[in-house]
């Protein structure tokens, strides 16, 4: 049994109740998680790690934002107004991110997925490739290992919430 969009305490409650009744508890949690939305790092990831759940991130490319959106926009690709607005709001981060990806010689989507996959709690991001090229980029992410310097650069570009609860917000 898996859950979707549960808070950390929901995961704990479900697992404890299942255990109390001699049942198998949750085995997976599906949450939004990507470089630009790391809130699950506060409580959901620690709960998954504690109870042995795999995290299945949805929207791992932030609706295309982390898939090279800035480069695509600048190359003349048409995008809807809401995506253009998101790109402009995130332009400084996206410029740094896409430059880092170029330095690595990897597609932005590949790096975003590889970053998720470096976390041992993540089992498999939910992807939605529309082309063979997008599928190949996603598969390539399983072969890419990001070194500590690259991970630190990604943390600098897309800072997380500052650790796990309660230390991230209580001290």
N, C-alpha and C. Protein backbone atom coordinates (compact mmCIF):
# COMPACT_ATOMS: atom_id res chain seq x y z
N UNK A 1 0.85 -1.17 0.00
CA UNK A 1 0.00 0.00 0.00
C UNK A 1 0.89 1.23 0.00
N UNK A 2 0.53 2.20 -0.79
CA UNK A 2 1.28 3.44 -0.84
C UNK A 2 0.39 4.62 -0.51
N UNK A 3 1.01 5.72 -0.23
CA UNK A 3 0.29 6.95 0.07
C UNK A 3 0.72 8.02 -0.92
N UNK A 4 -0.05 9.08 -0.97
CA UNK A 4 0.27 10.19 -1.86
C UNK A 4 0.01 11.50 -1.14
N UNK A 5 1.02 12.34 -1.14
CA UNK A 5 0.94 13.67 -0.53
C UNK A 5 0.65 13.62 0.96
N UNK A 6 1.14 12.58 1.64
CA UNK A 6 1.00 12.50 3.09
C UNK A 6 2.05 13.38 3.76
N UNK A 7 1.68 13.93 4.89
CA UNK A 7 2.65 14.61 5.74
C UNK A 7 3.43 13.54 6.50
N UNK A 8 4.54 13.94 7.08
CA UNK A 8 5.35 13.00 7.85
C UNK A 8 4.55 12.32 8.95
N UNK A 9 3.72 13.09 9.64
CA UNK A 9 2.94 12.50 10.74
C UNK A 9 1.88 11.54 10.22
N UNK A 10 1.36 11.78 9.00
CA UNK A 10 0.41 10.83 8.40
C UNK A 10 1.10 9.50 8.13
N UNK A 11 2.32 9.56 7.63
CA UNK A 11 3.09 8.34 7.35
C UNK A 11 3.33 7.59 8.65
N UNK A 12 3.74 8.31 9.69
CA UNK A 12 4.00 7.68 10.98
C UNK A 12 2.72 7.03 11.53
N UNK A 13 1.62 7.75 11.47
CA UNK A 13 0.35 7.21 11.98
C UNK A 13 -0.05 5.96 11.22
N UNK A 14 0.01 6.01 9.90
CA UNK A 14 -0.38 4.85 9.09
C UNK A 14 0.49 3.64 9.39
N UNK A 15 1.78 3.86 9.50
CA UNK A 15 2.70 2.75 9.77
C UNK A 15 2.51 2.19 11.18
N UNK A 16 2.30 3.05 12.15
CA UNK A 16 2.08 2.60 13.53
C UNK A 16 0.76 1.84 13.66
N UNK A 17 -0.28 2.34 13.02
CA UNK A 17 -1.57 1.65 13.09
C UNK A 17 -1.50 0.28 12.41
N UNK A 18 -0.83 0.21 11.28
CA UNK A 18 -0.68 -1.08 10.60
C UNK A 18 0.08 -2.06 11.49
N UNK A 19 1.13 -1.59 12.11
CA UNK A 19 1.94 -2.44 12.99
C UNK A 19 1.11 -2.91 14.19
N UNK A 20 0.33 -2.00 14.74
CA UNK A 20 -0.50 -2.32 15.91
C UNK A 20 -1.50 -3.43 15.59
N UNK A 21 -1.92 -3.50 14.34
CA UNK A 21 -2.89 -4.51 13.92
C UNK A 21 -2.23 -5.70 13.23
N UNK A 22 -0.90 -5.76 13.29
CA UNK A 22 -0.18 -6.88 12.69
C UNK A 22 -0.22 -6.89 11.17
N UNK A 23 -0.35 -5.75 10.59
CA UNK A 23 -0.44 -5.63 9.13
C UNK A 23 0.82 -4.97 8.57
N UNK A 24 1.01 -5.19 7.29
CA UNK A 24 2.07 -4.48 6.60
C UNK A 24 1.64 -3.04 6.43
N UNK A 25 2.53 -2.13 6.73
CA UNK A 25 2.21 -0.71 6.59
C UNK A 25 2.48 -0.20 5.19
N UNK A 26 2.59 1.08 5.10
CA UNK A 26 2.89 1.71 3.81
C UNK A 26 4.25 1.24 3.31
N UNK A 27 4.37 1.13 2.00
CA UNK A 27 5.66 0.78 1.41
C UNK A 27 6.20 1.91 0.54
N UNK A 28 5.33 2.87 0.20
CA UNK A 28 5.79 3.99 -0.62
C UNK A 28 4.96 5.23 -0.35
N UNK A 29 5.58 6.36 -0.63
CA UNK A 29 4.92 7.66 -0.55
C UNK A 29 5.21 8.40 -1.85
N UNK A 30 4.16 8.95 -2.43
CA UNK A 30 4.27 9.73 -3.65
C UNK A 30 4.11 11.20 -3.28
N UNK A 31 5.15 11.99 -3.49
CA UNK A 31 5.11 13.42 -3.15
C UNK A 31 5.76 14.24 -4.23
N UNK A 32 5.37 15.51 -4.31
CA UNK A 32 6.08 16.42 -5.19
C UNK A 32 7.48 16.61 -4.60
N UNK A 33 8.48 16.45 -5.45
CA UNK A 33 9.86 16.61 -4.98
C UNK A 33 10.74 16.84 -6.19
N UNK A 34 11.43 17.94 -6.17
CA UNK A 34 12.41 18.26 -7.21
C UNK A 34 13.33 19.34 -6.67
N UNK A 35 14.32 19.70 -7.44
CA UNK A 35 15.31 20.68 -6.98
C UNK A 35 14.68 21.98 -6.50
N UNK A 36 13.61 22.41 -7.12
CA UNK A 36 13.00 23.69 -6.77
C UNK A 36 11.89 23.57 -5.73
N UNK A 37 11.56 22.37 -5.31
CA UNK A 37 10.57 22.16 -4.24
C UNK A 37 11.06 21.00 -3.38
N UNK A 38 11.72 21.36 -2.29
CA UNK A 38 12.38 20.38 -1.44
C UNK A 38 11.74 20.28 -0.05
N UNK A 39 10.52 20.72 0.09
CA UNK A 39 9.87 20.75 1.40
C UNK A 39 9.75 19.37 2.04
N UNK A 40 9.67 18.31 1.24
CA UNK A 40 9.56 16.96 1.82
C UNK A 40 10.79 16.59 2.63
N UNK A 41 11.88 17.33 2.44
CA UNK A 41 13.10 17.05 3.20
C UNK A 41 12.92 17.34 4.69
N UNK A 42 11.94 18.17 5.03
CA UNK A 42 11.71 18.50 6.44
C UNK A 42 11.21 17.30 7.24
N UNK A 43 10.13 16.67 6.79
CA UNK A 43 9.52 15.61 7.58
C UNK A 43 9.18 14.35 6.80
N UNK A 44 8.83 14.48 5.53
CA UNK A 44 8.41 13.31 4.76
C UNK A 44 9.58 12.37 4.50
N UNK A 45 10.70 12.90 4.02
CA UNK A 45 11.87 12.04 3.78
C UNK A 45 12.35 11.36 5.06
N UNK A 46 12.46 12.08 6.18
CA UNK A 46 12.86 11.39 7.41
C UNK A 46 11.87 10.30 7.83
N UNK A 47 10.57 10.54 7.65
CA UNK A 47 9.57 9.52 7.99
C UNK A 47 9.72 8.31 7.07
N UNK A 48 9.91 8.56 5.79
CA UNK A 48 10.10 7.45 4.84
C UNK A 48 11.33 6.64 5.22
N UNK A 49 12.41 7.32 5.52
CA UNK A 49 13.65 6.63 5.90
C UNK A 49 13.43 5.80 7.17
N UNK A 50 12.77 6.38 8.16
CA UNK A 50 12.55 5.69 9.44
C UNK A 50 11.68 4.44 9.28
N UNK A 51 10.63 4.55 8.50
CA UNK A 51 9.69 3.44 8.35
C UNK A 51 9.99 2.54 7.15
N UNK A 52 11.03 2.85 6.42
CA UNK A 52 11.44 1.99 5.30
C UNK A 52 10.61 2.15 4.04
N UNK A 53 9.99 3.30 3.85
CA UNK A 53 9.21 3.56 2.64
C UNK A 53 10.11 4.08 1.54
N UNK A 54 9.75 3.78 0.31
CA UNK A 54 10.40 4.40 -0.83
C UNK A 54 9.61 5.65 -1.22
N UNK A 55 10.32 6.70 -1.57
CA UNK A 55 9.67 7.92 -2.03
C UNK A 55 9.63 7.91 -3.55
N UNK A 56 8.45 8.15 -4.10
CA UNK A 56 8.25 8.20 -5.55
C UNK A 56 7.90 9.65 -5.89
N UNK A 57 8.89 10.46 -6.29
CA UNK A 57 8.61 11.86 -6.56
C UNK A 57 7.77 12.06 -7.82
N UNK A 58 6.76 12.91 -7.70
CA UNK A 58 6.02 13.30 -8.89
C UNK A 58 6.45 14.72 -9.27
N UNK A 59 6.28 15.05 -10.51
CA UNK A 59 6.74 16.32 -11.08
C UNK A 59 8.24 16.54 -10.85
N UNK A 60 9.07 15.54 -11.17
CA UNK A 60 10.50 15.66 -10.88
C UNK A 60 11.22 16.74 -11.68
N UNK A 61 10.60 17.21 -12.76
CA UNK A 61 11.20 18.28 -13.56
C UNK A 61 10.46 19.60 -13.38
N UNK A 62 9.65 19.69 -12.33
CA UNK A 62 8.91 20.91 -12.02
C UNK A 62 8.09 21.39 -13.22
N UNK A 63 7.38 20.45 -13.81
CA UNK A 63 6.53 20.81 -14.95
C UNK A 63 7.31 21.28 -16.16
N UNK A 64 8.56 20.88 -16.28
CA UNK A 64 9.40 21.26 -17.41
C UNK A 64 10.42 22.33 -17.08
N UNK A 65 10.26 23.00 -15.95
CA UNK A 65 11.17 24.08 -15.57
C UNK A 65 12.61 23.60 -15.48
N UNK A 66 12.81 22.37 -14.98
CA UNK A 66 14.16 21.84 -14.80
C UNK A 66 14.63 21.02 -16.00
N UNK A 67 13.88 21.05 -17.06
CA UNK A 67 14.22 20.28 -18.25
C UNK A 67 14.87 21.11 -19.34
N UNK A 68 15.49 22.22 -18.95
CA UNK A 68 16.12 23.09 -19.95
C UNK A 68 15.18 24.15 -20.47
N UNK A 69 14.23 24.56 -19.67
CA UNK A 69 13.20 25.52 -20.11
C UNK A 69 13.78 26.84 -20.57
N UNK A 70 14.78 27.34 -19.89
CA UNK A 70 15.37 28.63 -20.26
C UNK A 70 15.99 28.55 -21.65
N UNK A 71 16.76 27.51 -21.89
CA UNK A 71 17.36 27.33 -23.20
C UNK A 71 16.32 27.16 -24.29
N UNK A 72 15.26 26.44 -23.98
CA UNK A 72 14.19 26.23 -24.96
C UNK A 72 13.48 27.54 -25.28
N UNK A 73 13.24 28.35 -24.25
CA UNK A 73 12.58 29.64 -24.45
C UNK A 73 13.45 30.54 -25.33
N UNK A 74 14.74 30.57 -25.02
CA UNK A 74 15.65 31.44 -25.77
C UNK A 74 15.86 30.96 -27.20
N UNK A 75 15.61 29.68 -27.46
CA UNK A 75 15.75 29.17 -28.83
C UNK A 75 14.49 29.42 -29.66
N UNK A 76 13.50 30.07 -29.05
CA UNK A 76 12.29 30.42 -29.78
C UNK A 76 11.14 29.45 -29.60
N UNK A 77 11.31 28.46 -28.75
CA UNK A 77 10.23 27.50 -28.53
C UNK A 77 9.05 28.21 -27.88
N UNK A 78 7.86 27.91 -28.37
CA UNK A 78 6.65 28.53 -27.81
C UNK A 78 6.31 27.90 -26.48
N UNK A 79 5.94 28.74 -25.53
CA UNK A 79 5.51 28.27 -24.21
C UNK A 79 4.32 29.10 -23.78
N UNK A 80 3.48 28.48 -22.95
CA UNK A 80 2.33 29.23 -22.47
C UNK A 80 2.78 30.32 -21.51
N UNK A 81 1.89 31.25 -21.29
CA UNK A 81 2.21 32.44 -20.49
C UNK A 81 2.61 32.09 -19.06
N UNK A 82 1.95 31.11 -18.46
CA UNK A 82 2.28 30.76 -17.07
C UNK A 82 3.70 30.19 -16.98
N UNK A 83 4.12 29.40 -17.96
CA UNK A 83 5.48 28.86 -17.95
C UNK A 83 6.49 29.98 -18.17
N UNK A 84 6.19 30.90 -19.07
CA UNK A 84 7.08 32.04 -19.30
C UNK A 84 7.25 32.85 -18.01
N UNK A 85 6.16 33.02 -17.28
CA UNK A 85 6.22 33.77 -16.02
C UNK A 85 7.08 33.03 -15.00
N UNK A 86 6.91 31.72 -14.89
CA UNK A 86 7.72 30.92 -13.96
C UNK A 86 9.20 31.00 -14.32
N UNK A 87 9.48 30.95 -15.61
CA UNK A 87 10.88 31.04 -16.06
C UNK A 87 11.47 32.39 -15.66
N UNK A 88 10.72 33.46 -15.88
CA UNK A 88 11.24 34.79 -15.53
C UNK A 88 11.45 34.92 -14.02
N UNK A 89 10.54 34.36 -13.23
CA UNK A 89 10.69 34.40 -11.77
C UNK A 89 11.94 33.65 -11.31
N UNK A 90 12.27 32.60 -12.02
CA UNK A 90 13.40 31.73 -11.63
C UNK A 90 14.63 31.94 -12.50
N UNK A 91 14.62 32.95 -13.35
CA UNK A 91 15.69 33.13 -14.33
C UNK A 91 17.10 33.06 -13.73
N UNK A 92 17.42 33.78 -12.65
CA UNK A 92 18.79 33.70 -12.13
C UNK A 92 19.20 32.27 -11.74
N UNK A 93 18.29 31.55 -11.11
CA UNK A 93 18.59 30.17 -10.74
C UNK A 93 18.73 29.30 -11.98
N UNK A 94 17.82 29.46 -12.92
CA UNK A 94 17.86 28.63 -14.13
C UNK A 94 19.11 28.90 -14.96
N UNK A 95 19.55 30.15 -15.01
CA UNK A 95 20.78 30.46 -15.74
C UNK A 95 21.96 29.71 -15.12
N UNK A 96 22.06 29.75 -13.80
CA UNK A 96 23.15 29.05 -13.11
C UNK A 96 23.02 27.54 -13.27
N UNK A 97 21.80 27.05 -13.16
CA UNK A 97 21.56 25.61 -13.28
C UNK A 97 21.91 25.09 -14.67
N UNK A 98 21.40 25.76 -15.68
CA UNK A 98 21.66 25.30 -17.04
C UNK A 98 23.13 25.45 -17.41
N UNK A 99 23.81 26.47 -16.86
CA UNK A 99 25.26 26.60 -17.09
C UNK A 99 26.00 25.44 -16.43
N UNK A 100 25.60 25.06 -15.23
CA UNK A 100 26.22 23.92 -14.55
C UNK A 100 26.01 22.64 -15.36
N UNK A 101 24.82 22.46 -15.88
CA UNK A 101 24.54 21.27 -16.70
C UNK A 101 25.42 21.24 -17.94
N UNK A 102 25.62 22.41 -18.56
CA UNK A 102 26.50 22.47 -19.73
C UNK A 102 27.93 22.09 -19.34
N UNK A 103 28.39 22.59 -18.18
CA UNK A 103 29.74 22.23 -17.70
C UNK A 103 29.86 20.72 -17.50
N UNK A 104 28.80 20.11 -17.02
CA UNK A 104 28.80 18.66 -16.78
C UNK A 104 28.66 17.87 -18.08
N UNK A 105 28.22 18.53 -19.13
CA UNK A 105 27.99 17.85 -20.40
C UNK A 105 26.73 16.99 -20.37
N UNK A 106 25.77 17.39 -19.54
CA UNK A 106 24.52 16.63 -19.39
C UNK A 106 23.33 17.54 -19.64
N UNK A 107 22.25 16.95 -20.08
CA UNK A 107 21.00 17.68 -20.26
C UNK A 107 20.44 18.06 -18.88
N UNK A 108 19.80 19.22 -18.76
CA UNK A 108 19.22 19.61 -17.48
C UNK A 108 18.26 18.57 -16.90
N UNK A 109 17.43 17.97 -17.73
CA UNK A 109 16.50 16.95 -17.22
C UNK A 109 17.26 15.77 -16.63
N UNK A 110 18.34 15.39 -17.26
CA UNK A 110 19.15 14.27 -16.77
C UNK A 110 19.73 14.60 -15.40
N UNK A 111 20.24 15.81 -15.24
CA UNK A 111 20.83 16.22 -13.96
C UNK A 111 19.76 16.27 -12.87
N UNK A 112 18.59 16.82 -13.20
CA UNK A 112 17.52 16.90 -12.20
C UNK A 112 17.11 15.51 -11.71
N UNK A 113 17.00 14.57 -12.63
CA UNK A 113 16.63 13.20 -12.25
C UNK A 113 17.76 12.50 -11.51
N UNK A 114 19.00 12.72 -11.95
CA UNK A 114 20.15 12.12 -11.27
C UNK A 114 20.25 12.63 -9.84
N UNK A 115 19.92 13.92 -9.64
CA UNK A 115 19.95 14.49 -8.28
C UNK A 115 18.93 13.76 -7.39
N UNK A 116 17.74 13.53 -7.90
CA UNK A 116 16.75 12.79 -7.13
C UNK A 116 17.25 11.38 -6.82
N UNK A 117 17.80 10.72 -7.82
CA UNK A 117 18.21 9.33 -7.67
C UNK A 117 19.42 9.15 -6.76
N UNK A 118 20.15 10.22 -6.46
CA UNK A 118 21.28 10.07 -5.54
C UNK A 118 20.79 9.87 -4.11
N UNK A 119 19.52 10.19 -3.85
CA UNK A 119 18.95 10.02 -2.52
C UNK A 119 18.48 8.58 -2.36
N UNK A 120 19.01 7.85 -1.39
CA UNK A 120 18.65 6.43 -1.25
C UNK A 120 17.18 6.17 -0.91
N UNK A 121 16.46 7.16 -0.43
CA UNK A 121 15.04 6.99 -0.12
C UNK A 121 14.20 7.01 -1.41
N UNK A 122 14.69 7.69 -2.44
CA UNK A 122 13.96 7.78 -3.71
C UNK A 122 14.07 6.47 -4.46
N UNK A 123 12.92 5.89 -4.80
CA UNK A 123 12.93 4.64 -5.55
C UNK A 123 12.89 4.90 -7.05
N UNK A 124 11.98 5.74 -7.50
CA UNK A 124 11.88 6.03 -8.93
C UNK A 124 11.00 7.26 -9.13
N UNK A 125 11.54 8.32 -9.73
CA UNK A 125 10.70 9.47 -10.05
C UNK A 125 9.66 9.09 -11.10
N UNK A 126 8.51 9.71 -11.01
CA UNK A 126 7.47 9.51 -12.02
C UNK A 126 7.78 10.43 -13.19
N UNK A 127 8.07 9.84 -14.33
CA UNK A 127 8.41 10.63 -15.51
C UNK A 127 7.28 10.53 -16.53
N UNK A 128 7.24 11.48 -17.43
CA UNK A 128 6.22 11.47 -18.47
C UNK A 128 6.81 11.89 -19.80
N UNK A 129 7.76 11.11 -20.32
CA UNK A 129 8.39 11.52 -21.57
C UNK A 129 7.40 11.52 -22.73
N UNK A 130 7.52 12.55 -23.57
CA UNK A 130 6.68 12.63 -24.76
C UNK A 130 7.44 12.22 -26.01
N UNK A 131 8.76 12.16 -25.90
CA UNK A 131 9.58 11.80 -27.06
C UNK A 131 10.60 10.74 -26.65
N UNK A 132 11.16 10.08 -27.63
CA UNK A 132 12.20 9.10 -27.37
C UNK A 132 13.42 9.78 -26.75
N UNK A 133 13.72 10.99 -27.18
CA UNK A 133 14.85 11.75 -26.63
C UNK A 133 14.65 12.00 -25.13
N UNK A 134 13.43 12.35 -24.73
CA UNK A 134 13.15 12.57 -23.31
C UNK A 134 13.28 11.27 -22.52
N UNK A 135 12.83 10.17 -23.08
CA UNK A 135 12.97 8.88 -22.41
C UNK A 135 14.45 8.51 -22.26
N UNK A 136 15.22 8.71 -23.31
CA UNK A 136 16.65 8.40 -23.25
C UNK A 136 17.36 9.26 -22.22
N UNK A 137 16.96 10.52 -22.10
CA UNK A 137 17.53 11.42 -21.10
C UNK A 137 17.22 10.92 -19.69
N UNK A 138 16.00 10.44 -19.50
CA UNK A 138 15.60 9.92 -18.19
C UNK A 138 16.38 8.65 -17.86
N UNK A 139 16.54 7.77 -18.81
CA UNK A 139 17.30 6.54 -18.59
C UNK A 139 18.76 6.89 -18.31
N UNK A 140 19.28 7.87 -19.01
CA UNK A 140 20.67 8.31 -18.79
C UNK A 140 20.88 8.73 -17.34
N UNK A 141 19.88 9.30 -16.71
CA UNK A 141 20.00 9.75 -15.32
C UNK A 141 20.39 8.61 -14.38
N UNK A 142 20.01 7.40 -14.71
CA UNK A 142 20.37 6.25 -13.85
C UNK A 142 21.85 5.93 -13.94
N UNK A 143 22.53 6.45 -14.95
CA UNK A 143 23.95 6.18 -15.15
C UNK A 143 24.83 7.33 -14.68
N UNK A 144 24.24 8.46 -14.34
CA UNK A 144 24.99 9.66 -13.96
C UNK A 144 25.17 9.69 -12.45
N UNK A 145 26.41 9.83 -12.03
CA UNK A 145 26.72 9.99 -10.61
C UNK A 145 27.19 11.42 -10.40
N UNK A 146 26.52 12.14 -9.55
CA UNK A 146 26.88 13.52 -9.26
C UNK A 146 27.87 13.54 -8.10
N UNK A 147 29.01 14.20 -8.30
CA UNK A 147 30.01 14.24 -7.23
C UNK A 147 29.61 15.27 -6.17
N UNK A 148 30.35 15.27 -5.07
CA UNK A 148 30.01 16.15 -3.94
C UNK A 148 30.03 17.62 -4.33
N UNK A 149 30.97 18.02 -5.18
CA UNK A 149 31.04 19.42 -5.61
C UNK A 149 29.80 19.80 -6.41
N UNK A 150 29.35 18.91 -7.27
CA UNK A 150 28.14 19.18 -8.06
C UNK A 150 26.91 19.23 -7.17
N UNK A 151 26.82 18.30 -6.22
CA UNK A 151 25.69 18.32 -5.28
C UNK A 151 25.68 19.62 -4.48
N UNK A 152 26.86 20.08 -4.06
CA UNK A 152 26.95 21.34 -3.31
C UNK A 152 26.52 22.51 -4.19
N UNK A 153 26.92 22.49 -5.46
CA UNK A 153 26.50 23.56 -6.38
C UNK A 153 24.99 23.57 -6.55
N UNK A 154 24.40 22.39 -6.69
CA UNK A 154 22.94 22.31 -6.83
C UNK A 154 22.24 22.81 -5.57
N UNK A 155 22.80 22.49 -4.40
CA UNK A 155 22.24 23.00 -3.14
C UNK A 155 22.34 24.52 -3.06
N UNK A 156 23.39 25.06 -3.62
CA UNK A 156 23.56 26.52 -3.61
C UNK A 156 22.56 27.18 -4.56
N UNK A 157 22.36 26.57 -5.71
CA UNK A 157 21.42 27.13 -6.69
C UNK A 157 19.98 26.97 -6.22
N UNK A 158 19.67 25.79 -5.71
CA UNK A 158 18.32 25.47 -5.24
C UNK A 158 18.40 25.03 -3.78
N UNK A 159 18.48 25.99 -2.85
CA UNK A 159 18.63 25.60 -1.44
C UNK A 159 17.41 24.84 -0.94
N UNK A 160 17.68 23.85 -0.12
CA UNK A 160 16.60 23.10 0.53
C UNK A 160 16.07 23.87 1.71
N UNK A 161 15.23 23.24 2.50
CA UNK A 161 14.62 23.92 3.64
C UNK A 161 15.56 24.12 4.83
N UNK A 162 16.77 23.66 4.72
CA UNK A 162 17.73 23.89 5.80
C UNK A 162 17.93 22.71 6.72
N UNK A 163 17.54 21.54 6.29
CA UNK A 163 17.71 20.34 7.10
C UNK A 163 16.37 19.69 7.38
N UNK A 164 16.39 18.86 8.40
CA UNK A 164 15.18 18.14 8.79
C UNK A 164 14.54 18.81 10.00
N UNK A 165 13.26 18.55 10.18
CA UNK A 165 12.53 19.07 11.33
C UNK A 165 13.02 18.35 12.58
N UNK A 166 13.00 18.96 13.71
CA UNK A 166 12.61 20.35 13.97
C UNK A 166 13.75 21.34 13.82
N UNK A 167 14.97 20.84 13.65
CA UNK A 167 16.12 21.74 13.61
C UNK A 167 16.05 22.78 12.51
N UNK A 168 15.44 22.46 11.39
CA UNK A 168 15.38 23.38 10.26
C UNK A 168 14.58 24.64 10.56
N UNK A 169 13.66 24.55 11.48
CA UNK A 169 12.84 25.73 11.75
C UNK A 169 12.68 26.07 13.22
N UNK A 170 13.21 25.25 14.09
CA UNK A 170 12.98 25.49 15.51
C UNK A 170 14.14 26.16 16.22
N UNK A 171 15.29 26.20 15.62
CA UNK A 171 16.44 26.75 16.34
C UNK A 171 16.97 27.96 15.64
